Protein backbone atom coordinates (compact mmCIF):
# COMPACT_ATOMS: atom_id res chain seq x y z
CA THR A 1 118.57 250.88 63.09
CA ARG A 2 117.48 247.86 66.00
CA GLY A 3 116.31 245.06 64.45
CA THR A 4 117.46 246.02 61.05
CA LEU A 5 120.14 242.73 59.64
CA ARG A 6 121.89 241.80 56.29
CA TRP A 7 124.37 238.53 57.12
CA ALA A 8 125.53 236.23 54.64
CA VAL A 9 126.99 232.97 55.52
CA ASN A 10 129.56 231.17 52.58
CA VAL A 11 128.16 226.87 53.38
CA THR A 12 130.94 226.00 50.10
CA VAL A 13 133.94 226.81 53.04
CA TRP A 14 131.87 224.43 55.92
CA GLU A 15 133.07 220.82 56.10
CA PRO A 16 131.63 219.18 59.17
CA GLU A 17 133.13 216.54 60.19
CA GLY A 18 131.60 214.07 62.08
CA GLU A 19 129.46 215.21 64.76
CA GLU A 20 129.80 218.51 63.92
CA PHE A 21 126.33 218.34 61.73
CA ASP A 22 124.29 216.12 63.30
CA TRP A 23 124.70 218.66 67.24
CA LEU A 24 123.68 221.08 64.64
CA ILE A 25 120.90 219.41 64.05
CA GLY A 26 120.11 219.15 67.12
CA THR A 27 119.80 222.32 68.60
CA MET A 28 116.74 222.56 66.30
CA PRO A 29 113.31 221.61 66.61
CA THR A 30 111.73 218.22 65.69
CA GLU A 31 109.75 220.03 63.05
CA HIS A 32 112.01 221.84 61.59
CA THR A 33 114.84 218.35 61.79
CA GLU A 34 112.50 216.85 60.10
CA ARG A 35 113.13 218.95 56.86
CA ILE A 36 116.26 219.27 57.52
CA LYS A 37 116.80 214.99 56.19
CA LYS A 38 114.38 215.21 53.53
CA PHE A 39 117.16 216.78 51.55
CA VAL A 40 118.87 213.45 49.75
CA ARG A 41 122.39 215.99 48.65
CA GLU A 42 125.09 216.93 50.95
CA GLU A 43 124.87 220.32 49.81
CA ASP A 44 121.17 220.89 49.82
CA ARG A 45 121.18 219.44 53.85
CA LYS A 46 124.03 221.78 55.10
CA ARG A 47 122.09 224.98 52.75
CA SER A 48 118.84 223.61 54.97
CA LEU A 49 120.97 224.06 57.63
CA MET A 50 122.28 227.32 57.55
CA SER A 51 119.45 228.77 56.58
CA ARG A 52 117.63 227.53 59.77
CA LEU A 53 119.88 228.44 62.15
CA LEU A 54 120.31 232.39 60.68
CA GLN A 55 117.23 232.12 61.22
CA PHE A 56 117.30 232.00 65.05
CA ALA A 57 119.98 233.98 65.77
CA ALA A 58 118.42 236.77 64.12
CA CYS A 59 115.12 235.96 66.70
CA ARG A 60 117.85 235.42 69.00
CA GLU A 61 119.64 238.68 68.62
CA VAL A 62 117.00 240.84 68.30
CA PHE A 63 114.44 239.55 71.10
CA GLY A 64 117.58 238.33 73.64
CA LEU A 65 115.68 235.01 72.92
CA SER A 66 116.68 230.97 73.91
CA ASN A 67 116.27 228.88 71.25
CA ASP A 68 113.08 226.88 72.83
CA GLU A 69 111.57 230.50 73.26
CA VAL A 70 111.39 231.28 69.10
CA LEU A 71 108.26 229.36 67.29
CA ILE A 72 108.60 229.89 63.59
CA LYS A 73 106.15 229.74 61.22
CA ARG A 74 105.46 229.39 57.31
CA THR A 75 102.45 231.28 55.33
CA LYS A 76 100.82 229.54 52.45
CA GLY A 77 103.17 231.03 50.08
CA SER A 78 105.72 229.66 52.15
CA LYS A 79 107.20 232.61 53.48
CA PRO A 80 109.39 232.31 57.05
CA PHE A 81 108.12 234.39 59.99
CA MET A 82 108.27 234.72 63.78
CA ALA A 83 105.00 233.49 65.10
CA ASN A 84 105.57 235.27 68.45
CA VAL A 85 106.94 237.82 67.73
CA PRO A 86 107.45 240.21 70.88
CA ASP A 87 105.06 243.27 71.00
CA ASP A 88 108.65 246.27 71.14
CA PRO A 89 107.26 249.95 70.13
CA GLU A 90 110.85 250.00 67.33
CA MET A 91 110.05 247.01 65.59
CA PRO A 92 106.57 246.98 64.76
CA ASN A 93 106.93 245.22 62.06
CA TRP A 94 109.80 242.62 62.67
CA ASN A 95 110.10 240.11 59.93
CA PHE A 96 112.80 238.47 57.97
CA ASN A 97 113.25 236.18 55.11
CA VAL A 98 116.45 233.95 53.51
CA SER A 99 118.24 232.63 50.13
CA HIS A 100 120.48 230.84 49.49
CA GLU A 101 122.09 229.45 46.02
CA GLY A 102 125.82 229.06 45.01
CA ASP A 103 128.05 229.41 47.87
CA PHE A 104 125.66 231.56 50.45
CA VAL A 105 123.32 231.59 52.66
CA VAL A 106 121.84 234.71 53.15
CA LEU A 107 119.53 236.42 55.30
CA ALA A 108 118.20 239.69 55.50
CA ALA A 109 115.72 241.41 58.49
CA GLU A 110 113.95 244.44 58.74
CA PRO A 111 111.75 246.32 61.77
CA LEU A 112 109.04 248.56 59.59
CA PHE A 113 109.02 247.53 56.23
CA VAL A 114 108.50 244.43 54.98
CA CYS A 115 111.55 242.44 53.01
CA GLY A 116 112.48 240.21 50.77
CA VAL A 117 115.99 238.66 49.97
CA ASP A 118 117.06 236.62 47.16
CA VAL A 119 120.85 235.67 45.91
CA ALA A 120 121.98 234.65 42.49
CA ALA A 121 124.79 232.16 41.88
CA PRO A 122 127.06 231.83 38.66
CA GLU A 123 125.95 228.60 37.08
CA GLN A 124 129.51 226.76 37.89
CA THR A 125 128.28 227.33 41.57
CA ARG A 126 124.98 225.78 41.64
CA ASN A 127 123.40 222.66 42.60
CA THR A 128 124.38 221.14 38.31
CA LEU A 129 126.31 222.41 35.40
CA ARG A 130 123.95 223.91 32.95
CA ALA A 131 124.80 221.58 29.55
CA GLU A 132 123.18 224.06 27.44
CA SER A 133 124.63 226.94 25.60
CA LEU A 134 123.59 230.94 27.22
CA GLU A 135 122.03 231.61 24.45
CA ASP A 136 119.82 228.30 24.49
CA PHE A 137 118.89 229.23 28.10
CA PHE A 138 118.20 232.94 27.58
CA HIS A 139 115.66 231.33 25.69
CA THR A 140 114.10 229.07 27.87
CA MET A 141 113.58 231.90 30.11
CA ARG A 142 112.88 234.76 27.51
CA ASN A 143 109.16 235.24 29.35
CA VAL A 144 111.01 235.42 32.70
CA LEU A 145 111.89 239.59 31.65
CA THR A 146 109.82 242.30 30.33
CA PRO A 147 111.89 243.51 26.58
CA ASN A 148 113.22 246.78 28.62
CA GLU A 149 114.64 243.65 30.88
CA TRP A 150 116.77 242.31 28.15
CA ARG A 151 117.84 245.55 26.01
CA VAL A 152 119.70 245.80 29.34
CA VAL A 153 121.24 242.20 29.61
CA ARG A 154 122.06 242.41 25.94
CA SER A 155 123.94 245.86 26.78
CA GLY A 156 126.37 243.23 28.13
CA LYS A 157 129.82 243.41 26.45
CA THR A 158 130.64 239.27 26.92
CA GLU A 159 128.22 236.42 27.54
CA GLU A 160 129.93 236.59 31.70
CA GLU A 161 128.43 240.49 31.93
CA GLN A 162 125.23 239.25 30.18
CA GLU A 163 125.07 236.22 32.25
CA ASP A 164 125.28 238.83 35.23
CA LEU A 165 122.52 240.60 33.74
CA PHE A 166 120.33 238.13 33.44
CA ARG A 167 121.36 237.24 37.53
CA ARG A 168 120.25 240.61 38.93
CA HIS A 169 117.42 241.01 37.09
CA TRP A 170 116.41 237.51 38.49
CA SER A 171 117.52 237.71 41.86
CA LEU A 172 115.71 241.58 41.70
CA LYS A 173 112.64 239.69 41.55
CA GLU A 174 113.20 237.35 43.52
CA ALA A 175 113.22 238.69 46.22
CA PHE A 176 110.33 241.31 45.32
CA VAL A 177 108.31 237.83 45.56
CA LYS A 178 109.52 236.58 48.83
CA GLY A 179 109.07 240.10 50.35
CA ARG A 180 105.35 239.91 49.02
CA GLY A 181 104.88 236.22 50.06
CA ASP A 182 103.38 235.03 46.65
CA GLY A 183 105.33 232.04 46.34
CA ILE A 184 105.47 230.59 42.34
CA ALA A 185 101.54 232.11 42.25
CA PHE A 186 103.23 235.23 40.66
CA GLU A 187 104.49 235.40 37.09
CA LEU A 188 107.71 237.22 37.49
CA GLY A 189 107.50 238.28 33.65
CA LYS A 190 104.99 240.70 35.33
CA CYS A 191 106.88 243.26 37.05
CA GLU A 192 109.76 245.29 35.50
CA PHE A 193 113.09 246.98 37.32
CA SER A 194 115.16 249.30 36.53
CA PHE A 195 117.80 250.16 37.49
CA HIS A 196 119.31 253.26 39.10
CA GLY A 197 121.73 254.80 36.61
CA THR A 198 123.65 252.37 35.39
CA PRO A 199 122.67 248.51 34.72
CA TRP A 200 125.08 247.56 37.52
CA ALA A 201 123.10 250.57 39.92
CA ASN A 202 122.99 248.69 43.52
CA THR A 203 119.49 250.08 43.38
CA ALA A 204 116.49 250.57 41.41
CA SER A 205 112.50 250.56 41.53
CA VAL A 206 109.98 248.33 40.20
CA SER A 207 106.82 248.74 37.85
CA VAL A 208 103.80 245.55 38.18
CA GLY A 209 101.59 246.50 34.89
CA ASN A 210 103.10 250.14 33.30
CA HIS A 211 103.01 251.62 37.29
CA THR A 212 105.64 252.07 39.31
CA ARG A 213 105.53 250.30 43.10
CA ARG A 214 106.91 253.60 44.84
CA LYS A 215 106.59 252.20 47.62
CA TRP A 216 109.69 249.53 47.43
CA ARG A 217 113.48 249.96 46.87
CA PHE A 218 115.73 247.42 45.85
CA TYR A 219 119.06 247.40 46.86
CA MET A 220 121.94 245.28 45.61
CA GLU A 221 125.15 244.07 46.50
CA GLU A 222 127.76 241.41 45.52
CA LEU A 223 129.54 239.13 48.24
CA GLY A 224 131.66 237.70 45.07
CA ASN A 225 132.61 235.57 42.86
CA ARG A 226 130.07 236.52 40.79
CA HIS A 227 126.85 235.92 43.55
CA TRP A 228 124.63 239.41 43.40
CA VAL A 229 122.04 239.52 47.28
CA SER A 230 118.88 241.68 46.64
CA VAL A 231 117.52 243.31 49.47
CA ALA A 232 113.56 244.93 49.05
CA ARG A 233 111.85 246.17 51.27
CA GLY A 234 108.51 248.18 51.06
CA PRO A 235 104.30 248.24 53.08
CA PRO A 236 103.70 245.86 54.77
CA SER A 237 100.51 246.14 53.39
CA ASP A 238 100.94 244.28 49.94
CA ILE A 239 101.84 241.83 51.92
CA VAL A 240 100.25 237.61 50.54
CA ASP A 241 99.40 235.90 52.95
CA ALA A 242 95.91 233.83 52.86
CA HIS A 243 95.60 232.65 56.39
CA GLY A 244 96.48 235.91 57.77
CA GLU A 245 98.49 235.01 60.59
CA PHE A 246 101.63 236.06 59.68
CA LYS A 247 99.78 239.49 58.75
CA GLY A 248 97.73 240.25 61.70
CA GLN A 249 100.98 240.35 64.41
CA PHE A 250 101.81 243.44 62.34
CA ARG A 251 101.71 246.04 65.19
CA ARG A 252 101.39 248.74 62.19
CA PRO A 253 100.09 247.55 58.70
CA GLU A 254 99.58 251.00 57.47
CA ILE A 255 102.02 253.24 58.15
CA PRO A 256 101.57 256.87 56.94
CA ALA A 257 103.09 257.93 53.33
CA ARG A 258 105.52 260.73 55.28
CA GLU A 259 107.21 258.73 57.00
CA HIS A 260 107.41 255.93 54.39
CA GLU A 261 108.33 257.86 51.98
CA GLU A 262 111.92 259.23 55.01
CA GLU A 263 111.94 255.53 56.08
CA LEU A 264 112.96 254.25 52.71
CA ARG A 265 114.94 256.30 51.51
CA LEU A 266 117.58 255.22 54.48
CA PRO A 267 120.01 253.77 52.98
CA SER A 268 120.71 248.95 53.52
CA PRO A 269 123.63 248.47 55.30
CA PRO A 270 126.33 245.88 53.73
CA PHE A 271 125.75 242.06 54.15
CA GLU A 272 128.59 240.78 57.20
CA MET A 273 129.38 237.16 56.93
CA ARG A 274 128.68 234.90 59.16
CA THR A 275 130.43 231.31 60.30
CA VAL A 276 128.46 228.72 61.48
CA ALA A 277 129.87 229.06 65.70
CA ASP A 278 128.04 232.71 65.02
CA LEU A 279 124.83 231.22 64.78
CA VAL A 280 125.32 228.82 67.80
CA GLU A 281 123.21 229.75 70.68
CA THR A 282 126.01 231.76 72.88
CA GLY A 283 125.57 229.58 76.26
CA ARG A 284 126.09 226.17 73.99
CA LYS A 285 130.17 226.80 72.35
CA ASP A 286 131.01 224.33 74.36
CA ASP A 287 129.21 221.75 73.96
CA TYR A 288 129.08 222.61 70.10
CA ALA A 289 133.40 222.12 70.09
CA SER A 290 133.08 219.16 72.03
CA ALA A 291 130.92 218.24 69.23
CA GLY A 292 133.75 218.88 66.56
CA GLY A 293 132.70 222.99 65.70
CA ASP A 294 135.65 225.55 64.31
CA VAL A 295 135.12 228.66 67.50
CA ILE A 296 137.76 229.60 66.58
């Protein structure tokens, strides 16, 4: 479907040298460069830059625009959105979401439903190595999952399986909250996820307060090296947007029940790997190469 995107970039294998990093930052509007430069750790600066490169590249590709023609803002809950989406009847509610952890930065975009995305990395690929045992970690996170979800996690036959099952639930919850736009205000323990079939299934449903949210659907994929990525798709009417600017630009805030159900049944496409060069504007790739970028 036009406007539907699933992109992933491996930032761990990307090691910018010389002018490359500064050149890429220079392609961003000032307010974005300031945010990137606030990070102290190189890994965090790389992820922040990559997240923004993905956002601008998605807007350019879908609408045929240049970076200068794209305006990206954030809701009060820090959900990024394109604030000047062109009017297109095929994509009345186009929106995107981004996530980064471990090796990957990811982006998902949808033309009709609101979307959320989250990637969860195994402990050894996160920013810091966990010193506590898995049991201590689970105890610390005990209120994040429901009793039923913990039973699923404990069904793992090894510590590695249990950690993966926990990350899968965590990723789903984050994708749901990010799709809605709650930010940190939503208590993750309030929502409960059920996988369709086995605990390792690639689709899931959510319940909040014992009520199944039938207008939401969730999709899961392993990107590699035990990184789990979840995509949430749901109704625009569920968006939490205190200032109203994001929600107010949707051309079809209400979707008829039958159409909603039919669209929700459509499969979520797999994530496609992108390189940094893929995210550079077409007319500027030579300049990128001159700055040390790999365009092959």
